[in-house]
Amino acid sequence: LEDINDEIEEETLNQELEKYKIPKVVAKDIMAMKMLTQEEAIMKLELAGEHFLIYKGEEDQKLKVIYKRDDNNLGIVEVE
């Protein structure tokens, strides 16, 4: 019975440690930077079925990330 309790405690400890483990970078992609209008970026994002798209705004030459929000709308992050 003591061995079973020790195993349960060890498994519980391992699960708790896993929660706070720092994630590793396991993939790296190289993407071509496209110059797009906002409308083109939206269309490309929708057609690609991705969660985000990085592009350079044709209007202002700024680096932008367009992304799908949890509420099914889109958000844009502009880099200054």
N, C-alpha and C. Protein backbone atom coordinates (compact mmCIF):
# COMPACT_ATOMS: atom_id res chain seq x y z
N LEU A 1 0.83 -1.20 0.00
CA LEU A 1 0.00 0.00 0.00
C LEU A 1 0.87 1.26 0.00
N GLU A 2 1.97 1.19 0.74
CA GLU A 2 2.88 2.34 0.79
C GLU A 2 3.50 2.61 -0.58
N ASP A 3 3.82 1.54 -1.31
CA ASP A 3 4.38 1.70 -2.66
C ASP A 3 3.38 2.38 -3.59
N ILE A 4 2.11 2.01 -3.47
CA ILE A 4 1.07 2.61 -4.30
C ILE A 4 0.94 4.10 -3.98
N ASN A 5 0.96 4.43 -2.70
CA ASN A 5 0.88 5.84 -2.30
C ASN A 5 2.07 6.63 -2.82
N ASP A 6 3.26 6.03 -2.77
CA ASP A 6 4.45 6.70 -3.28
C ASP A 6 4.33 6.94 -4.79
N GLU A 7 3.81 5.95 -5.51
CA GLU A 7 3.63 6.11 -6.96
C GLU A 7 2.63 7.21 -7.28
N ILE A 8 1.55 7.26 -6.52
CA ILE A 8 0.53 8.30 -6.73
C ILE A 8 1.12 9.68 -6.45
N GLU A 9 1.87 9.81 -5.37
CA GLU A 9 2.49 11.09 -5.03
C GLU A 9 3.49 11.51 -6.11
N GLU A 10 4.26 10.56 -6.60
CA GLU A 10 5.24 10.86 -7.64
C GLU A 10 4.55 11.30 -8.93
N GLU A 11 3.49 10.61 -9.30
CA GLU A 11 2.74 10.97 -10.51
C GLU A 11 2.10 12.35 -10.36
N THR A 12 1.56 12.64 -9.19
CA THR A 12 0.97 13.95 -8.93
C THR A 12 2.03 15.04 -9.02
N LEU A 13 3.19 14.79 -8.46
CA LEU A 13 4.29 15.75 -8.53
C LEU A 13 4.71 15.97 -9.98
N ASN A 14 4.83 14.90 -10.75
CA ASN A 14 5.20 15.02 -12.16
C ASN A 14 4.17 15.83 -12.94
N GLN A 15 2.90 15.64 -12.65
CA GLN A 15 1.85 16.40 -13.33
C GLN A 15 1.94 17.88 -12.98
N GLU A 16 2.21 18.19 -11.72
CA GLU A 16 2.35 19.59 -11.30
C GLU A 16 3.57 20.23 -11.94
N LEU A 17 4.67 19.51 -12.01
CA LEU A 17 5.88 20.05 -12.64
C LEU A 17 5.65 20.30 -14.13
N GLU A 18 4.90 19.43 -14.77
CA GLU A 18 4.61 19.57 -16.20
C GLU A 18 3.81 20.85 -16.48
N LYS A 19 2.94 21.24 -15.56
CA LYS A 19 2.15 22.47 -15.74
C LYS A 19 3.03 23.70 -15.84
N TYR A 20 4.14 23.72 -15.12
CA TYR A 20 4.98 24.91 -15.04
C TYR A 20 6.25 24.80 -15.88
N LYS A 21 6.32 23.79 -16.70
CA LYS A 21 7.47 23.58 -17.55
C LYS A 21 7.51 24.64 -18.65
N ILE A 22 8.66 25.19 -18.90
CA ILE A 22 8.82 26.20 -19.95
C ILE A 22 8.76 25.48 -21.30
N PRO A 23 7.88 25.94 -22.20
CA PRO A 23 7.77 25.27 -23.50
C PRO A 23 9.03 25.45 -24.34
N LYS A 24 9.30 24.47 -25.18
CA LYS A 24 10.45 24.51 -26.08
C LYS A 24 9.99 24.95 -27.46
N VAL A 25 10.87 25.60 -28.18
CA VAL A 25 10.62 25.90 -29.59
C VAL A 25 10.94 24.62 -30.35
N VAL A 26 9.93 24.07 -31.03
CA VAL A 26 10.11 22.79 -31.72
C VAL A 26 9.98 22.91 -33.23
N ALA A 27 9.67 24.11 -33.71
CA ALA A 27 9.54 24.30 -35.16
C ALA A 27 9.94 25.73 -35.51
N LYS A 28 10.44 25.89 -36.71
CA LYS A 28 10.82 27.21 -37.21
C LYS A 28 10.46 27.27 -38.68
N ASP A 29 9.76 28.32 -39.07
CA ASP A 29 9.38 28.50 -40.46
C ASP A 29 10.01 29.78 -41.00
N ILE A 30 10.30 29.77 -42.26
CA ILE A 30 10.77 30.97 -42.95
C ILE A 30 9.65 31.38 -43.90
N MET A 31 9.22 32.63 -43.75
CA MET A 31 8.11 33.12 -44.56
C MET A 31 8.57 34.32 -45.38
N ALA A 32 8.12 34.38 -46.61
CA ALA A 32 8.41 35.55 -47.43
C ALA A 32 7.51 36.70 -46.95
N MET A 33 8.08 37.88 -46.83
CA MET A 33 7.31 39.04 -46.40
C MET A 33 6.56 39.61 -47.59
N LYS A 34 5.25 39.60 -47.52
CA LYS A 34 4.41 40.09 -48.62
C LYS A 34 3.91 41.49 -48.30
N MET A 35 3.87 42.33 -49.31
CA MET A 35 3.26 43.65 -49.16
C MET A 35 1.81 43.51 -49.60
N LEU A 36 0.88 43.76 -48.67
CA LEU A 36 -0.54 43.55 -48.93
C LEU A 36 -1.37 44.70 -48.39
N THR A 37 -2.53 44.89 -48.97
CA THR A 37 -3.52 45.78 -48.36
C THR A 37 -4.20 44.99 -47.24
N GLN A 38 -4.92 45.67 -46.39
CA GLN A 38 -5.63 44.98 -45.31
C GLN A 38 -6.63 43.98 -45.88
N GLU A 39 -7.32 44.36 -46.93
CA GLU A 39 -8.31 43.47 -47.55
C GLU A 39 -7.64 42.22 -48.13
N GLU A 40 -6.48 42.40 -48.76
CA GLU A 40 -5.74 41.26 -49.31
C GLU A 40 -5.27 40.33 -48.18
N ALA A 41 -4.83 40.93 -47.09
CA ALA A 41 -4.36 40.13 -45.95
C ALA A 41 -5.50 39.30 -45.37
N ILE A 42 -6.68 39.90 -45.26
CA ILE A 42 -7.85 39.17 -44.75
C ILE A 42 -8.18 38.01 -45.68
N MET A 43 -8.19 38.27 -46.98
CA MET A 43 -8.51 37.23 -47.94
C MET A 43 -7.48 36.10 -47.89
N LYS A 44 -6.22 36.46 -47.83
CA LYS A 44 -5.15 35.45 -47.78
C LYS A 44 -5.24 34.62 -46.50
N LEU A 45 -5.53 35.27 -45.38
CA LEU A 45 -5.69 34.57 -44.10
C LEU A 45 -6.83 33.57 -44.17
N GLU A 46 -7.95 34.00 -44.71
CA GLU A 46 -9.13 33.13 -44.81
C GLU A 46 -8.88 31.96 -45.77
N LEU A 47 -8.27 32.24 -46.91
CA LEU A 47 -8.01 31.19 -47.89
C LEU A 47 -7.00 30.16 -47.39
N ALA A 48 -6.02 30.63 -46.62
CA ALA A 48 -4.97 29.74 -46.12
C ALA A 48 -5.46 28.90 -44.94
N GLY A 49 -6.52 29.36 -44.28
CA GLY A 49 -7.03 28.62 -43.12
C GLY A 49 -6.09 28.68 -41.93
N GLU A 50 -5.26 29.71 -41.87
CA GLU A 50 -4.31 29.86 -40.78
C GLU A 50 -4.92 30.69 -39.65
N HIS A 51 -4.21 30.76 -38.53
CA HIS A 51 -4.67 31.55 -37.39
C HIS A 51 -4.11 32.97 -37.41
N PHE A 52 -3.02 33.16 -38.16
CA PHE A 52 -2.42 34.49 -38.25
C PHE A 52 -1.65 34.63 -39.56
N LEU A 53 -1.35 35.87 -39.91
CA LEU A 53 -0.58 36.16 -41.11
C LEU A 53 0.28 37.39 -40.83
N ILE A 54 1.54 37.31 -41.17
CA ILE A 54 2.45 38.44 -41.03
C ILE A 54 2.62 39.06 -42.41
N TYR A 55 2.47 40.38 -42.47
CA TYR A 55 2.61 41.04 -43.76
C TYR A 55 3.05 42.49 -43.56
N LYS A 56 3.45 43.11 -44.67
CA LYS A 56 3.82 44.52 -44.65
C LYS A 56 2.68 45.29 -45.29
N GLY A 57 2.15 46.28 -44.57
CA GLY A 57 1.01 47.05 -45.05
C GLY A 57 1.38 47.89 -46.25
N GLU A 58 0.63 47.72 -47.32
CA GLU A 58 0.88 48.49 -48.54
C GLU A 58 0.64 49.97 -48.31
N GLU A 59 -0.32 50.29 -47.44
CA GLU A 59 -0.69 51.69 -47.21
C GLU A 59 0.39 52.47 -46.47
N ASP A 60 1.00 51.83 -45.45
CA ASP A 60 1.93 52.58 -44.59
C ASP A 60 3.29 51.91 -44.42
N GLN A 61 3.53 50.81 -45.11
CA GLN A 61 4.81 50.09 -45.09
C GLN A 61 5.16 49.51 -43.71
N LYS A 62 4.18 49.40 -42.80
CA LYS A 62 4.44 48.88 -41.46
C LYS A 62 4.28 47.37 -41.43
N LEU A 63 5.09 46.73 -40.58
CA LEU A 63 4.96 45.31 -40.34
C LEU A 63 3.71 45.08 -39.51
N LYS A 64 2.87 44.11 -39.93
CA LYS A 64 1.60 43.86 -39.25
C LYS A 64 1.36 42.36 -39.11
N VAL A 65 0.61 42.02 -38.10
CA VAL A 65 0.15 40.64 -37.90
C VAL A 65 -1.37 40.70 -37.81
N ILE A 66 -2.03 39.99 -38.69
CA ILE A 66 -3.48 39.88 -38.61
C ILE A 66 -3.78 38.49 -38.06
N TYR A 67 -4.72 38.42 -37.13
CA TYR A 67 -4.98 37.15 -36.46
C TYR A 67 -6.46 36.95 -36.20
N LYS A 68 -6.85 35.68 -36.10
CA LYS A 68 -8.23 35.34 -35.77
C LYS A 68 -8.40 35.37 -34.26
N ARG A 69 -9.43 36.05 -33.82
CA ARG A 69 -9.73 36.14 -32.39
C ARG A 69 -10.67 35.00 -31.99
N ASP A 70 -10.77 34.77 -30.70
CA ASP A 70 -11.65 33.72 -30.20
C ASP A 70 -13.12 34.00 -30.50
N ASP A 71 -13.47 35.28 -30.71
CA ASP A 71 -14.87 35.63 -31.00
C ASP A 71 -15.17 35.61 -32.50
N ASN A 72 -14.27 35.00 -33.29
CA ASN A 72 -14.39 34.85 -34.75
C ASN A 72 -14.21 36.14 -35.52
N ASN A 73 -13.79 37.21 -34.87
CA ASN A 73 -13.42 38.43 -35.56
C ASN A 73 -11.92 38.41 -35.79
N LEU A 74 -11.39 39.47 -36.36
CA LEU A 74 -9.96 39.56 -36.64
C LEU A 74 -9.35 40.70 -35.83
N GLY A 75 -8.08 40.56 -35.53
CA GLY A 75 -7.33 41.62 -34.87
C GLY A 75 -6.07 41.89 -35.68
N ILE A 76 -5.53 43.09 -35.54
CA ILE A 76 -4.28 43.44 -36.22
C ILE A 76 -3.33 44.04 -35.20
N VAL A 77 -2.09 43.57 -35.24
CA VAL A 77 -1.02 44.14 -34.43
C VAL A 77 -0.08 44.84 -35.39
N GLU A 78 0.19 46.12 -35.12
CA GLU A 78 1.14 46.88 -35.94
C GLU A 78 2.43 47.07 -35.17
N VAL A 79 3.54 46.84 -35.83
CA VAL A 79 4.85 47.02 -35.22
C VAL A 79 5.35 48.42 -35.56
N GLU A 80 5.78 49.15 -34.54
CA GLU A 80 6.30 50.50 -34.79
C GLU A 80 7.80 50.51 -34.76
